[in-house]
Amino acid sequence: MDEADVLGGAVVAPDVTRGPWQTQLQDRPFDPQQVPVVRLLDYPVQIGVQLDTCTQALLWEISLMALDCRSRGTAPPQPVVIYQELMNQHLAEISAWGRQQRQLAQEQGKDRLDMEYPTNPQAYAIITYVWRCIDRLNHYAKTGQLLSVEMPPLPQALFDWVREEFFRQLEGQPPTPWPGPWRMEG
């Protein structure tokens, strides 16, 4: 069994994989000639793991808030509503796949990897919505409305670069590799 079978994705070239959700779009087989693909080149594995850690802490806190609201029968605060909206957009599956790719690369001793995210015709609107939600959640963390702390500078820079790459490439521009660094200091 190869890594594509284990991870549920399709290996398209050495060190480039596609996620499992991309094999069918709207009940049609995936056709790379008709679907724009966003490529993240030289994605820094260690910084990506740190970004995952920050994001997971934020999402964990919001999950606990949702459970607390349900147990008390109260209306959820705005961060919980935003989180629930994000998860309804299937962000969990995409995030899990990316996390698996980073973990595999880290286990193999790689400091960077290339990933491809085939999209769909509604991708620009959906991605705009997702990034807006994540920005709002980060705002709650930065302003002390959550226990989670503000993202450190390098993971924040990676987050911003990924966002920019999605928008640039969906507008038809070529991918731009991550400019570095590839590792967290210290």
C-alpha atoms as a PDB file:
ATOM      1  CA  MET A   1       0.000   0.000   0.000  1.00  0.00           C
ATOM      2  CA  ASP A   2       1.505   3.373  -0.958  1.00  0.00           C
ATOM      3  CA  GLU A   3       1.144   6.735   0.804  1.00  0.00           C
ATOM      4  CA  ALA A   4      -1.789   7.700  -1.439  1.00  0.00           C
ATOM      5  CA  ASP A   5      -3.747   4.698  -0.184  1.00  0.00           C
ATOM      6  CA  VAL A   6      -2.877   5.433   3.436  1.00  0.00           C
ATOM      7  CA  LEU A   7      -3.759   9.120   3.224  1.00  0.00           C
ATOM      8  CA  GLY A   8      -6.728   8.799   0.901  1.00  0.00           C
ATOM      9  CA  GLY A   9      -5.167  11.154  -1.638  1.00  0.00           C
ATOM     10  CA  ALA A  10      -3.669  10.730  -5.071  1.00  0.00           C
ATOM     11  CA  VAL A  11       0.064  11.090  -5.608  1.00  0.00           C
ATOM     12  CA  VAL A  12       0.534  13.199  -8.746  1.00  0.00           C
ATOM     13  CA  ALA A  13       4.310  13.662  -8.679  1.00  0.00           C
ATOM     14  CA  PRO A  14       7.090  13.066  -6.175  1.00  0.00           C
ATOM     15  CA  ASP A  15       6.407  15.280  -3.147  1.00  0.00           C
ATOM     16  CA  VAL A  16       3.093  16.578  -4.578  1.00  0.00           C
ATOM     17  CA  THR A  17      -0.208  15.142  -3.423  1.00  0.00           C
ATOM     18  CA  ARG A  18      -3.877  15.924  -3.923  1.00  0.00           C
ATOM     19  CA  GLY A  19      -6.440  15.642  -1.167  1.00  0.00           C
ATOM     20  CA  PRO A  20      -9.129  12.957  -0.926  1.00  0.00           C
ATOM     21  CA  TRP A  21     -12.069  15.328  -1.406  1.00  0.00           C
ATOM     22  CA  GLN A  22     -10.866  16.284  -4.868  1.00  0.00           C
ATOM     23  CA  THR A  23     -11.507  13.065  -6.754  1.00  0.00           C
ATOM     24  CA  GLN A  24     -15.118  14.019  -7.418  1.00  0.00           C
ATOM     25  CA  LEU A  25     -16.670  17.449  -7.709  1.00  0.00           C
ATOM     26  CA  GLN A  26     -20.437  17.743  -8.025  1.00  0.00           C
ATOM     27  CA  ASP A  27     -20.815  14.003  -8.822  1.00  0.00           C
ATOM     28  CA  ARG A  28     -18.377  14.205 -11.743  1.00  0.00           C
ATOM     29  CA  PRO A  29     -14.938  12.596 -11.968  1.00  0.00           C
ATOM     30  CA  PHE A  30     -12.093  15.001 -11.310  1.00  0.00           C
ATOM     31  CA  ASP A  31     -10.763  16.488 -14.556  1.00  0.00           C
ATOM     32  CA  PRO A  32      -7.607  18.570 -13.999  1.00  0.00           C
ATOM     33  CA  GLN A  33      -8.103  20.250 -17.390  1.00  0.00           C
ATOM     34  CA  GLN A  34     -11.390  21.836 -16.244  1.00  0.00           C
ATOM     35  CA  VAL A  35     -10.756  22.535 -12.569  1.00  0.00           C
ATOM     36  CA  PRO A  36      -8.330  25.203 -11.342  1.00  0.00           C
ATOM     37  CA  VAL A  37      -5.653  23.792  -9.052  1.00  0.00           C
ATOM     38  CA  VAL A  38      -4.043  25.884  -6.320  1.00  0.00           C
ATOM     39  CA  ARG A  39      -0.446  24.810  -5.707  1.00  0.00           C
ATOM     40  CA  LEU A  40       1.364  25.593  -2.485  1.00  0.00           C
ATOM     41  CA  LEU A  41       5.055  25.337  -3.363  1.00  0.00           C
ATOM     42  CA  ASP A  42       7.785  24.895  -0.762  1.00  0.00           C
ATOM     43  CA  TYR A  43       5.225  24.841   2.046  1.00  0.00           C
ATOM     44  CA  PRO A  44       7.308  24.957   5.280  1.00  0.00           C
ATOM     45  CA  VAL A  45       6.474  21.798   7.229  1.00  0.00           C
ATOM     46  CA  GLN A  46       7.626  22.867  10.699  1.00  0.00           C
ATOM     47  CA  ILE A  47       5.936  26.279  10.517  1.00  0.00           C
ATOM     48  CA  GLY A  48       2.830  24.575   9.143  1.00  0.00           C
ATOM     49  CA  VAL A  49       2.783  22.260  12.163  1.00  0.00           C
ATOM     50  CA  GLN A  50       3.039  25.319  14.441  1.00  0.00           C
ATOM     51  CA  LEU A  51       0.189  26.972  12.508  1.00  0.00           C
ATOM     52  CA  ASP A  52      -1.873  23.778  13.017  1.00  0.00           C
ATOM     53  CA  THR A  53      -1.132  23.901  16.753  1.00  0.00           C
ATOM     54  CA  CYS A  54      -2.339  27.510  16.993  1.00  0.00           C
ATOM     55  CA  THR A  55      -5.442  26.797  14.931  1.00  0.00           C
ATOM     56  CA  GLN A  56      -6.278  23.611  16.831  1.00  0.00           C
ATOM     57  CA  ALA A  57      -6.014  25.421  20.189  1.00  0.00           C
ATOM     58  CA  LEU A  58      -8.433  28.068  18.951  1.00  0.00           C
ATOM     59  CA  LEU A  59     -10.874  25.512  17.552  1.00  0.00           C
ATOM     60  CA  TRP A  60     -10.651  23.368  20.696  1.00  0.00           C
ATOM     61  CA  GLU A  61     -11.556  26.335  22.867  1.00  0.00           C
ATOM     62  CA  ILE A  62     -14.515  27.164  20.645  1.00  0.00           C
ATOM     63  CA  SER A  63     -15.697  23.543  20.733  1.00  0.00           C
ATOM     64  CA  LEU A  64     -15.665  23.681  24.532  1.00  0.00           C
ATOM     65  CA  MET A  65     -17.651  26.920  24.437  1.00  0.00           C
ATOM     66  CA  ALA A  66     -20.255  25.245  22.191  1.00  0.00           C
ATOM     67  CA  LEU A  67     -20.571  22.296  24.590  1.00  0.00           C
ATOM     68  CA  ASP A  68     -20.984  24.664  27.521  1.00  0.00           C
ATOM     69  CA  CYS A  69     -23.739  26.598  25.709  1.00  0.00           C
ATOM     70  CA  ARG A  70     -25.568  23.378  24.840  1.00  0.00           C
ATOM     71  CA  SER A  71     -25.373  22.088  28.405  1.00  0.00           C
ATOM     72  CA  ARG A  72     -26.780  25.363  29.780  1.00  0.00           C
ATOM     73  CA  GLY A  73     -29.316  25.849  26.983  1.00  0.00           C
ATOM     74  CA  THR A  74     -27.966  29.309  26.134  1.00  0.00           C
ATOM     75  CA  ALA A  75     -27.335  30.978  22.792  1.00  0.00           C
ATOM     76  CA  PRO A  76     -23.766  30.462  21.580  1.00  0.00           C
ATOM     77  CA  PRO A  77     -21.404  33.475  21.451  1.00  0.00           C
ATOM     78  CA  GLN A  78     -20.267  34.761  18.052  1.00  0.00           C
ATOM     79  CA  PRO A  79     -17.000  32.727  17.908  1.00  0.00           C
ATOM     80  CA  VAL A  80     -19.007  29.516  18.302  1.00  0.00           C
ATOM     81  CA  VAL A  81     -21.393  30.501  15.510  1.00  0.00           C
ATOM     82  CA  ILE A  82     -18.464  31.288  13.196  1.00  0.00           C
ATOM     83  CA  TYR A  83     -16.784  27.964  14.037  1.00  0.00           C
ATOM     84  CA  GLN A  84     -19.958  26.024  13.303  1.00  0.00           C
ATOM     85  CA  GLU A  85     -20.298  27.829   9.957  1.00  0.00           C
ATOM     86  CA  LEU A  86     -16.719  26.887   9.055  1.00  0.00           C
ATOM     87  CA  MET A  87     -17.182  23.231   9.896  1.00  0.00           C
ATOM     88  CA  ASN A  88     -20.340  23.169   7.788  1.00  0.00           C
ATOM     89  CA  GLN A  89     -18.186  24.187   4.817  1.00  0.00           C
ATOM     90  CA  HIS A  90     -16.216  20.897   5.189  1.00  0.00           C
ATOM     91  CA  LEU A  91     -13.135  22.708   6.411  1.00  0.00           C
ATOM     92  CA  ALA A  92     -12.486  19.859   8.835  1.00  0.00           C
ATOM     93  CA  GLU A  93     -11.777  17.360   6.022  1.00  0.00           C
ATOM     94  CA  ILE A  94      -9.460  19.729   4.153  1.00  0.00           C
ATOM     95  CA  SER A  95      -7.598  20.656   7.348  1.00  0.00           C
ATOM     96  CA  ALA A  96      -7.183  17.017   8.363  1.00  0.00           C
ATOM     97  CA  TRP A  97      -5.740  16.118   4.968  1.00  0.00           C
ATOM     98  CA  GLY A  98      -3.223  18.990   5.088  1.00  0.00           C
ATOM     99  CA  ARG A  99      -2.254  18.034   8.625  1.00  0.00           C
ATOM    100  CA  GLN A 100      -1.634  14.423   7.520  1.00  0.00           C
ATOM    101  CA  GLN A 101       0.568  15.631   4.672  1.00  0.00           C
ATOM    102  CA  ARG A 102       2.638  17.812   7.006  1.00  0.00           C
ATOM    103  CA  GLN A 103       2.996  15.030   9.578  1.00  0.00           C
ATOM    104  CA  LEU A 104       4.118  12.559   6.923  1.00  0.00           C
ATOM    105  CA  ALA A 105       6.664  15.034   5.554  1.00  0.00           C
ATOM    106  CA  GLN A 106       7.918  15.756   9.066  1.00  0.00           C
ATOM    107  CA  GLU A 107       8.313  12.026   9.795  1.00  0.00           C
ATOM    108  CA  GLN A 108      10.333  11.730   6.574  1.00  0.00           C
ATOM    109  CA  GLY A 109      12.611  14.569   7.720  1.00  0.00           C
ATOM    110  CA  LYS A 110      11.485  17.030   5.040  1.00  0.00           C
ATOM    111  CA  ASP A 111      11.455  20.723   5.796  1.00  0.00           C
ATOM    112  CA  ARG A 112       9.071  21.626   2.942  1.00  0.00           C
ATOM    113  CA  LEU A 113       6.575  20.074   0.565  1.00  0.00           C
ATOM    114  CA  ASP A 114       4.373  20.942  -2.412  1.00  0.00           C
ATOM    115  CA  MET A 115       0.607  20.425  -2.159  1.00  0.00           C
ATOM    116  CA  GLU A 116      -2.179  20.794  -4.718  1.00  0.00           C
ATOM    117  CA  TYR A 117      -5.753  21.804  -3.921  1.00  0.00           C
ATOM    118  CA  PRO A 118      -8.117  21.352  -6.885  1.00  0.00           C
ATOM    119  CA  THR A 119     -11.028  23.741  -6.484  1.00  0.00           C
ATOM    120  CA  ASN A 120     -14.441  24.282  -8.056  1.00  0.00           C
ATOM    121  CA  PRO A 121     -16.197  27.183  -9.814  1.00  0.00           C
ATOM    122  CA  GLN A 122     -17.497  28.524  -6.481  1.00  0.00           C
ATOM    123  CA  ALA A 123     -14.073  28.313  -4.826  1.00  0.00           C
ATOM    124  CA  TYR A 124     -13.323  32.048  -4.805  1.00  0.00           C
ATOM    125  CA  ALA A 125     -16.527  32.904  -2.951  1.00  0.00           C
ATOM    126  CA  ILE A 126     -16.186  29.973  -0.539  1.00  0.00           C
ATOM    127  CA  ILE A 127     -12.519  30.704   0.216  1.00  0.00           C
ATOM    128  CA  THR A 128     -13.282  34.400   0.731  1.00  0.00           C
ATOM    129  CA  TYR A 129     -15.960  33.420   3.238  1.00  0.00           C
ATOM    130  CA  VAL A 130     -13.696  30.924   5.052  1.00  0.00           C
ATOM    131  CA  TRP A 131     -10.816  33.417   5.357  1.00  0.00           C
ATOM    132  CA  ARG A 132     -13.195  36.096   6.663  1.00  0.00           C
ATOM    133  CA  CYS A 133     -14.443  33.690   9.333  1.00  0.00           C
ATOM    134  CA  ILE A 134     -10.904  32.735  10.345  1.00  0.00           C
ATOM    135  CA  ASP A 135      -9.901  36.418  10.509  1.00  0.00           C
ATOM    136  CA  ARG A 136     -12.847  37.083  12.805  1.00  0.00           C
ATOM    137  CA  LEU A 137     -11.839  34.178  15.058  1.00  0.00           C
ATOM    138  CA  ASN A 138      -8.242  35.466  15.170  1.00  0.00           C
ATOM    139  CA  HIS A 139      -9.605  38.892  16.099  1.00  0.00           C
ATOM    140  CA  TYR A 140     -11.380  37.388  19.111  1.00  0.00           C
ATOM    141  CA  ALA A 141      -8.099  35.769  20.200  1.00  0.00           C
ATOM    142  CA  LYS A 142      -6.075  38.991  19.679  1.00  0.00           C
ATOM    143  CA  THR A 143      -8.523  41.120  21.664  1.00  0.00           C
ATOM    144  CA  GLY A 144      -8.574  38.762  24.638  1.00  0.00           C
ATOM    145  CA  GLN A 145     -12.151  37.567  24.128  1.00  0.00           C
ATOM    146  CA  LEU A 146     -10.823  33.994  24.018  1.00  0.00           C
ATOM    147  CA  LEU A 147      -8.210  32.209  26.108  1.00  0.00           C
ATOM    148  CA  SER A 148      -6.280  31.278  22.951  1.00  0.00           C
ATOM    149  CA  VAL A 149      -3.426  33.635  22.248  1.00  0.00           C
ATOM    150  CA  GLU A 150      -2.577  35.558  19.123  1.00  0.00           C
ATOM    151  CA  MET A 151      -0.725  33.583  16.459  1.00  0.00           C
ATOM    152  CA  PRO A 152       3.101  34.012  16.500  1.00  0.00           C
ATOM    153  CA  PRO A 153       4.630  35.970  13.570  1.00  0.00           C
ATOM    154  CA  LEU A 154       5.889  33.062  11.399  1.00  0.00           C
ATOM    155  CA  PRO A 155       2.684  30.980  11.524  1.00  0.00           C
ATOM    156  CA  GLN A 156       0.732  34.198  10.870  1.00  0.00           C
ATOM    157  CA  ALA A 157       2.966  34.947   7.862  1.00  0.00           C
ATOM    158  CA  LEU A 158       2.375  31.411   6.545  1.00  0.00           C
ATOM    159  CA  PHE A 159      -1.376  31.784   7.062  1.00  0.00           C
ATOM    160  CA  ASP A 160      -1.308  35.067   5.107  1.00  0.00           C
ATOM    161  CA  TRP A 161       0.835  33.539   2.321  1.00  0.00           C
ATOM    162  CA  VAL A 162      -1.542  30.561   1.892  1.00  0.00           C
ATOM    163  CA  ARG A 163      -4.499  32.932   1.677  1.00  0.00           C
ATOM    164  CA  GLU A 164      -2.720  35.108  -0.883  1.00  0.00           C
ATOM    165  CA  GLU A 165      -1.731  32.069  -2.971  1.00  0.00           C
ATOM    166  CA  PHE A 166      -5.318  30.854  -3.121  1.00  0.00           C
ATOM    167  CA  PHE A 167      -6.611  34.231  -4.262  1.00  0.00           C
ATOM    168  CA  ARG A 168      -3.767  34.893  -6.718  1.00  0.00           C
ATOM    169  CA  GLN A 169      -4.003  31.484  -8.347  1.00  0.00           C
ATOM    170  CA  LEU A 170      -7.798  31.530  -8.553  1.00  0.00           C
ATOM    171  CA  GLU A 171      -7.359  34.794 -10.480  1.00  0.00           C
ATOM    172  CA  GLY A 172      -5.136  32.916 -12.958  1.00  0.00           C
ATOM    173  CA  GLN A 173      -1.691  33.893 -11.679  1.00  0.00           C
ATOM    174  CA  PRO A 174       1.111  31.317 -11.350  1.00  0.00           C
ATOM    175  CA  PRO A 175       2.095  29.905  -7.951  1.00  0.00           C
ATOM    176  CA  THR A 176       4.756  31.662  -5.909  1.00  0.00           C
ATOM    177  CA  PRO A 177       6.882  29.481  -3.605  1.00  0.00           C
ATOM    178  CA  TRP A 178       7.055  30.238   0.108  1.00  0.00           C
ATOM    179  CA  PRO A 179      10.032  32.643   0.417  1.00  0.00           C
ATOM    180  CA  GLY A 180      11.333  31.158   3.656  1.00  0.00           C
ATOM    181  CA  PRO A 181      12.302  30.553   6.351  1.00  0.00           C
ATOM    182  CA  TRP A 182      11.448  26.858   6.556  1.00  0.00           C
ATOM    183  CA  ARG A 183      11.946  26.323  10.274  1.00  0.00           C
ATOM    184  CA  MET A 184      10.901  28.043  13.482  1.00  0.00           C
ATOM    185  CA  GLU A 185      13.731  29.654  15.422  1.00  0.00           C
ATOM    186  CA  GLY A 186      14.632  28.249  18.800  1.00  0.00           C
END
